[in-house]
Amino acid sequence: FNDVAITARMLLSKYPVERILIIDTDAHQGNGTMDIFYDDPRVLFISIHQDPRTLYPGRGFINEIGIGAGKGFTVNIPMPMFAGNKQYQCALNEIFVPLAKEYQPDVIIQNGGADPHYADQLTLLGLDLDGLNMVGKIVRKTADGTSKKLIDMIVSGYSDLVHYGWLAIIAGVAGLPIDFSKIVNEPEKRKHLEIEINEGSTESQTQKVVEAVKTELKSYWRCFQS
């Protein structure tokens, strides 16, 4: 079952909640949650995930933005393969943060786990434990500045480091300082993650994705109209 969607539905039906922001940071796009709320403006669904051309479920392209009254309330950020800490920080700060400030949700629900880590065996992204921790921190800081209410529904991870990945996210959300170098030895990054940042790199690709998302959504959100 979809625990995220069930939680959101319950909040909307049983509590004084009118707007929910769901931020899905799992490496796989959250197609189930997206489909459930695709026409519902009460839920702003944002998914940051590996390029859907390279990973299941093959959904979550930039032009999938919702239908009917919900058009503009689905946001997909397809990250290039091997995108790491800098690229995630850029995408979240330029897309997720301004949208949250404009939408002013009553509750933020974070859904995601350890599979964006570079050692994950099913995915091809480049976050390390500090990067997963950073994701949690950005979501927490954004919630503190908007809804003041944050639910973290942690999932996923397919490597021996999954428990450390979950710890990294939870520590970021909870504001707990952790030096991961003192508690775990992360494996060496694969050679394809050692590429120099240049015009053809993940950094420039990520910036192109960010600008494309803004262009797709600028008719619906003032924060992207400048």
Foldseek 3Di string as FASTA:
>chain_A
DDPVQVVVVCCCPPHPFQAEEEEEEAQEFPVVSCVVCQAPRSYQYEYEHAALVVAPPSDQDLLSQGDHNRRLSYGGQHAYFAAEQVLVVVLCVLPVLVVCVQRQGLEYEYEYFQCLDCPFPRGGYHYHLLSLLVVLQSVLVSCVVGNVHYHYDYDDTHDPCRVSGRVSNVCSVVVNDDDVVVPDDDDDGDPVNVDDDDCPDSNVVSVVSSLSSLVSNVVPDVSSVD
